[in-house]
Protein backbone atom coordinates (compact mmCIF):
# COMPACT_ATOMS: atom_id res chain seq x y z
CA MET A 1 51.76 151.03 -167.52
CA PRO A 2 52.51 154.71 -168.18
CA LEU A 3 55.17 155.92 -165.79
CA SER A 4 54.27 159.03 -163.69
CA TYR A 5 56.54 162.26 -163.71
CA GLN A 6 58.73 161.23 -160.69
CA ALA A 7 59.40 157.48 -162.01
CA ALA A 8 60.36 158.77 -165.44
CA VAL A 9 62.91 161.52 -164.09
CA GLY A 10 64.08 158.75 -161.65
CA GLU A 11 64.53 156.28 -164.56
CA TYR A 12 66.33 158.79 -166.70
CA LEU A 13 68.59 159.60 -163.86
CA CYS A 14 69.33 156.34 -162.92
CA ASN A 15 70.34 155.28 -166.28
CA LYS A 16 72.36 158.24 -166.78
CA ALA A 17 74.03 158.01 -163.36
CA LEU A 18 75.58 154.58 -164.67
CA THR A 19 77.92 157.02 -166.71
CA HIS A 20 78.76 158.88 -163.46
CA TYR A 21 78.68 162.60 -163.62
CA ARG A 22 81.79 164.25 -163.45
CA SER A 23 80.31 167.30 -161.47
CA TYR A 24 77.22 168.52 -159.71
CA GLU A 25 76.67 171.34 -162.19
CA GLU A 26 76.94 168.34 -164.87
CA ALA A 27 74.13 166.59 -163.27
CA ARG A 28 71.95 169.57 -162.42
CA THR A 29 72.36 170.66 -166.06
CA ASP A 30 71.32 167.22 -167.08
CA VAL A 31 68.43 167.15 -164.96
CA PHE A 32 67.12 170.83 -166.13
CA ASP A 33 67.25 169.41 -170.03
CA TYR A 34 65.27 166.23 -168.90
CA ILE A 35 62.59 168.53 -167.19
CA ARG A 36 62.74 171.12 -170.46
CA PHE A 37 62.21 167.94 -172.54
CA TYR A 38 59.20 166.50 -170.58
CA ASN A 39 57.43 169.28 -170.53
CA HIS A 40 58.16 171.19 -174.04
CA GLN A 41 58.80 167.95 -176.29
CA ARG A 42 57.52 164.67 -174.88
CA ARG A 43 53.92 164.12 -175.82
CA HIS A 44 51.50 162.78 -173.11
CA SER A 45 48.66 160.30 -173.82
CA THR A 46 46.69 161.87 -171.06
CA LEU A 47 46.80 165.15 -172.38
CA GLY A 48 45.53 163.84 -175.72
CA TYR A 49 49.20 163.31 -177.12
CA LEU A 50 49.90 166.93 -176.67
CA THR A 51 52.93 168.16 -174.65
CA PRO A 52 52.12 169.80 -171.29
CA VAL A 53 53.10 173.00 -172.89
CA GLU A 54 51.07 172.92 -175.64
CA PHE A 55 47.96 171.42 -173.70
CA GLU A 56 48.16 174.60 -171.07
CA ARG A 57 48.23 177.10 -174.19
CA ARG A 58 45.13 175.36 -175.83
CA ARG A 59 43.41 175.66 -172.36
CA SER A 60 44.25 179.14 -171.73
CA GLU A 61 42.71 180.07 -175.27
CA LEU A 62 39.60 178.21 -174.44
CA SER A 63 39.07 179.79 -171.45
CA ALA A 64 39.90 183.39 -172.86
């Protein structure tokens, strides 16, 4: 069963939290790195195996 965005982030952070962040800034950086990965690199089956950024780029080209 595919994970929702929130579930994917939660799972990632729970796994990462086991290593205990040394600071708030380290945790914050890690969260934003994951969000960048999720939106710019991870392919989504519901979007035809495109990244969200690529999907939106193609959609905007079609409507132009």
